[in-house]
């Protein structure tokens, strides 16, 4: 028997189906629950990885940016642009930070991912 949050998900789906005149099948419930919890299981490690991922001088700045971007896309709650920029810039060696901020005019709070990527290139 379902308990807790899965029960609430099933009740909510049944209610929505009823309001639309549609009976939600057991397979649809099962599929939704599997997708919900499998995504969470994959996303939690991604969140931890995003917070701990660091710059590797052997791989370079482009690789670090790409890794950070891919990890952030797998998170349940994607980081906002300022959080992404802050983590990226703060993880870099000082000379890269200075180049991005002083020369390329990258701002933690206002630069887009596209602007950051262009500066990295």
C-alpha atoms as a PDB file:
ATOM      1  CA  UNK A   1       0.000   0.000   0.000  1.00  0.00           C
ATOM      2  CA  UNK A   2       1.236   3.490  -0.861  1.00  0.00           C
ATOM      3  CA  UNK A   3       1.938   5.918   1.940  1.00  0.00           C
ATOM      4  CA  UNK A   4       3.143   9.510   2.140  1.00  0.00           C
ATOM      5  CA  UNK A   5       4.043  11.537  -0.932  1.00  0.00           C
ATOM      6  CA  UNK A   6       3.397   8.783  -3.533  1.00  0.00           C
ATOM      7  CA  UNK A   7      -0.175   8.494  -2.237  1.00  0.00           C
ATOM      8  CA  UNK A   8      -0.660  12.243  -2.629  1.00  0.00           C
ATOM      9  CA  UNK A   9       0.655  12.096  -6.206  1.00  0.00           C
ATOM     10  CA  UNK A  10      -1.797   9.314  -7.096  1.00  0.00           C
ATOM     11  CA  UNK A  11      -4.721  11.112  -5.415  1.00  0.00           C
ATOM     12  CA  UNK A  12      -3.858  14.336  -7.230  1.00  0.00           C
ATOM     13  CA  UNK A  13      -3.647  12.550 -10.604  1.00  0.00           C
ATOM     14  CA  UNK A  14      -6.958  10.765  -9.975  1.00  0.00           C
ATOM     15  CA  UNK A  15      -8.625  14.059  -9.089  1.00  0.00           C
ATOM     16  CA  UNK A  16      -7.264  15.776 -12.222  1.00  0.00           C
ATOM     17  CA  UNK A  17      -8.346  12.829 -14.355  1.00  0.00           C
ATOM     18  CA  UNK A  18     -11.818  12.858 -12.836  1.00  0.00           C
ATOM     19  CA  UNK A  19     -12.161  16.611 -13.461  1.00  0.00           C
ATOM     20  CA  UNK A  20     -11.263  16.046 -17.117  1.00  0.00           C
ATOM     21  CA  UNK A  21     -13.542  13.034 -17.424  1.00  0.00           C
ATOM     22  CA  UNK A  22     -10.613  10.645 -17.758  1.00  0.00           C
ATOM     23  CA  UNK A  23      -9.763   7.635 -15.639  1.00  0.00           C
ATOM     24  CA  UNK A  24      -6.036   7.397 -14.946  1.00  0.00           C
ATOM     25  CA  UNK A  25      -4.796   3.831 -15.368  1.00  0.00           C
ATOM     26  CA  UNK A  26      -2.575   1.948 -12.955  1.00  0.00           C
ATOM     27  CA  UNK A  27       0.187   1.898 -15.579  1.00  0.00           C
ATOM     28  CA  UNK A  28       0.030   5.708 -15.896  1.00  0.00           C
ATOM     29  CA  UNK A  29       0.316   6.041 -12.112  1.00  0.00           C
ATOM     30  CA  UNK A  30       3.210   3.620 -11.991  1.00  0.00           C
ATOM     31  CA  UNK A  31       5.015   5.350 -14.871  1.00  0.00           C
ATOM     32  CA  UNK A  32       4.664   8.779 -13.263  1.00  0.00           C
ATOM     33  CA  UNK A  33       5.905   7.516  -9.899  1.00  0.00           C
ATOM     34  CA  UNK A  34       8.893   5.793 -11.503  1.00  0.00           C
ATOM     35  CA  UNK A  35       9.817   8.918 -13.478  1.00  0.00           C
ATOM     36  CA  UNK A  36       9.404  11.120 -10.401  1.00  0.00           C
ATOM     37  CA  UNK A  37      11.631   9.049  -8.146  1.00  0.00           C
ATOM     38  CA  UNK A  38      14.189   7.975 -10.730  1.00  0.00           C
ATOM     39  CA  UNK A  39      14.699  11.633 -11.668  1.00  0.00           C
ATOM     40  CA  UNK A  40      15.162  12.525  -7.995  1.00  0.00           C
ATOM     41  CA  UNK A  41      17.669   9.729  -7.497  1.00  0.00           C
ATOM     42  CA  UNK A  42      19.696  11.042 -10.432  1.00  0.00           C
ATOM     43  CA  UNK A  43      19.318  14.702  -9.499  1.00  0.00           C
ATOM     44  CA  UNK A  44      20.507  14.535  -5.889  1.00  0.00           C
ATOM     45  CA  UNK A  45      24.029  13.398  -6.878  1.00  0.00           C
ATOM     46  CA  UNK A  46      24.033  16.110  -9.561  1.00  0.00           C
ATOM     47  CA  UNK A  47      23.298  18.777  -6.952  1.00  0.00           C
ATOM     48  CA  UNK A  48      26.135  17.526  -4.777  1.00  0.00           C
ATOM     49  CA  UNK A  49      28.465  17.370  -7.787  1.00  0.00           C
ATOM     50  CA  UNK A  50      27.561  20.932  -8.819  1.00  0.00           C
ATOM     51  CA  UNK A  51      28.526  22.193  -5.369  1.00  0.00           C
ATOM     52  CA  UNK A  52      31.831  20.293  -5.283  1.00  0.00           C
ATOM     53  CA  UNK A  53      32.967  20.374  -8.916  1.00  0.00           C
ATOM     54  CA  UNK A  54      36.259  22.223  -9.213  1.00  0.00           C
ATOM     55  CA  UNK A  55      38.507  23.535 -11.942  1.00  0.00           C
ATOM     56  CA  UNK A  56      41.136  21.092 -13.245  1.00  0.00           C
ATOM     57  CA  UNK A  57      44.072  22.787 -14.955  1.00  0.00           C
ATOM     58  CA  UNK A  58      44.783  19.632 -16.975  1.00  0.00           C
ATOM     59  CA  UNK A  59      41.311  19.743 -18.572  1.00  0.00           C
ATOM     60  CA  UNK A  60      41.070  23.515 -18.942  1.00  0.00           C
ATOM     61  CA  UNK A  61      38.474  26.216 -18.533  1.00  0.00           C
ATOM     62  CA  UNK A  62      36.213  25.123 -21.431  1.00  0.00           C
ATOM     63  CA  UNK A  63      35.943  21.625 -20.022  1.00  0.00           C
ATOM     64  CA  UNK A  64      35.111  22.938 -16.547  1.00  0.00           C
ATOM     65  CA  UNK A  65      32.400  25.241 -17.928  1.00  0.00           C
ATOM     66  CA  UNK A  66      30.883  22.401 -19.978  1.00  0.00           C
ATOM     67  CA  UNK A  67      30.939  19.973 -17.044  1.00  0.00           C
ATOM     68  CA  UNK A  68      29.302  22.521 -14.764  1.00  0.00           C
ATOM     69  CA  UNK A  69      26.633  23.273 -17.359  1.00  0.00           C
ATOM     70  CA  UNK A  70      25.790  19.578 -17.896  1.00  0.00           C
ATOM     71  CA  UNK A  71      25.613  18.889 -14.164  1.00  0.00           C
ATOM     72  CA  UNK A  72      23.366  21.922 -13.590  1.00  0.00           C
ATOM     73  CA  UNK A  73      20.918  20.680 -16.244  1.00  0.00           C
ATOM     74  CA  UNK A  74      20.496  17.358 -14.391  1.00  0.00           C
ATOM     75  CA  UNK A  75      19.516  19.056 -11.131  1.00  0.00           C
ATOM     76  CA  UNK A  76      15.860  19.143 -10.043  1.00  0.00           C
ATOM     77  CA  UNK A  77      16.091  22.847  -9.259  1.00  0.00           C
ATOM     78  CA  UNK A  78      18.412  24.407 -11.802  1.00  0.00           C
ATOM     79  CA  UNK A  79      20.687  27.079 -10.375  1.00  0.00           C
ATOM     80  CA  UNK A  80      19.854  30.625 -11.415  1.00  0.00           C
ATOM     81  CA  UNK A  81      22.322  32.420 -13.650  1.00  0.00           C
ATOM     82  CA  UNK A  82      23.988  34.346 -10.815  1.00  0.00           C
ATOM     83  CA  UNK A  83      24.564  31.144  -8.801  1.00  0.00           C
ATOM     84  CA  UNK A  84      25.994  29.374 -11.859  1.00  0.00           C
ATOM     85  CA  UNK A  85      28.286  32.322 -12.666  1.00  0.00           C
ATOM     86  CA  UNK A  86      29.422  32.670  -9.055  1.00  0.00           C
ATOM     87  CA  UNK A  87      30.315  28.999  -8.726  1.00  0.00           C
ATOM     88  CA  UNK A  88      32.095  28.976 -12.087  1.00  0.00           C
ATOM     89  CA  UNK A  89      34.119  32.137 -11.501  1.00  0.00           C
ATOM     90  CA  UNK A  90      34.967  31.394  -7.861  1.00  0.00           C
ATOM     91  CA  UNK A  91      36.353  27.969  -8.770  1.00  0.00           C
ATOM     92  CA  UNK A  92      38.828  29.439 -11.275  1.00  0.00           C
ATOM     93  CA  UNK A  93      42.428  30.434 -10.560  1.00  0.00           C
ATOM     94  CA  UNK A  94      42.937  34.130  -9.835  1.00  0.00           C
ATOM     95  CA  UNK A  95      44.399  35.021 -13.247  1.00  0.00           C
ATOM     96  CA  UNK A  96      41.304  33.631 -15.030  1.00  0.00           C
ATOM     97  CA  UNK A  97      38.985  35.493 -12.664  1.00  0.00           C
ATOM     98  CA  UNK A  98      40.788  38.759 -13.331  1.00  0.00           C
ATOM     99  CA  UNK A  99      40.696  38.200 -17.091  1.00  0.00           C
ATOM    100  CA  UNK A 100      36.971  37.432 -17.103  1.00  0.00           C
ATOM    101  CA  UNK A 101      35.979  40.302 -14.829  1.00  0.00           C
ATOM    102  CA  UNK A 102      38.412  43.040 -15.864  1.00  0.00           C
ATOM    103  CA  UNK A 103      38.973  42.340 -19.574  1.00  0.00           C
ATOM    104  CA  UNK A 104      35.781  40.558 -20.649  1.00  0.00           C
ATOM    105  CA  UNK A 105      33.537  42.536 -18.276  1.00  0.00           C
ATOM    106  CA  UNK A 106      31.817  39.418 -16.946  1.00  0.00           C
ATOM    107  CA  UNK A 107      29.511  40.061 -14.001  1.00  0.00           C
ATOM    108  CA  UNK A 108      28.393  37.373 -11.578  1.00  0.00           C
ATOM    109  CA  UNK A 109      24.948  38.922 -11.304  1.00  0.00           C
ATOM    110  CA  UNK A 110      24.248  40.125 -14.838  1.00  0.00           C
ATOM    111  CA  UNK A 111      26.149  38.061 -17.433  1.00  0.00           C
ATOM    112  CA  UNK A 112      24.255  35.416 -19.396  1.00  0.00           C
ATOM    113  CA  UNK A 113      25.533  31.910 -20.080  1.00  0.00           C
ATOM    114  CA  UNK A 114      26.171  32.934 -23.680  1.00  0.00           C
ATOM    115  CA  UNK A 115      28.296  35.916 -22.589  1.00  0.00           C
ATOM    116  CA  UNK A 116      30.208  33.720 -20.165  1.00  0.00           C
ATOM    117  CA  UNK A 117      30.790  31.076 -22.848  1.00  0.00           C
ATOM    118  CA  UNK A 118      32.035  33.692 -25.338  1.00  0.00           C
ATOM    119  CA  UNK A 119      34.461  34.997 -22.712  1.00  0.00           C
ATOM    120  CA  UNK A 120      35.689  31.456 -22.024  1.00  0.00           C
ATOM    121  CA  UNK A 121      36.429  30.909 -25.718  1.00  0.00           C
END
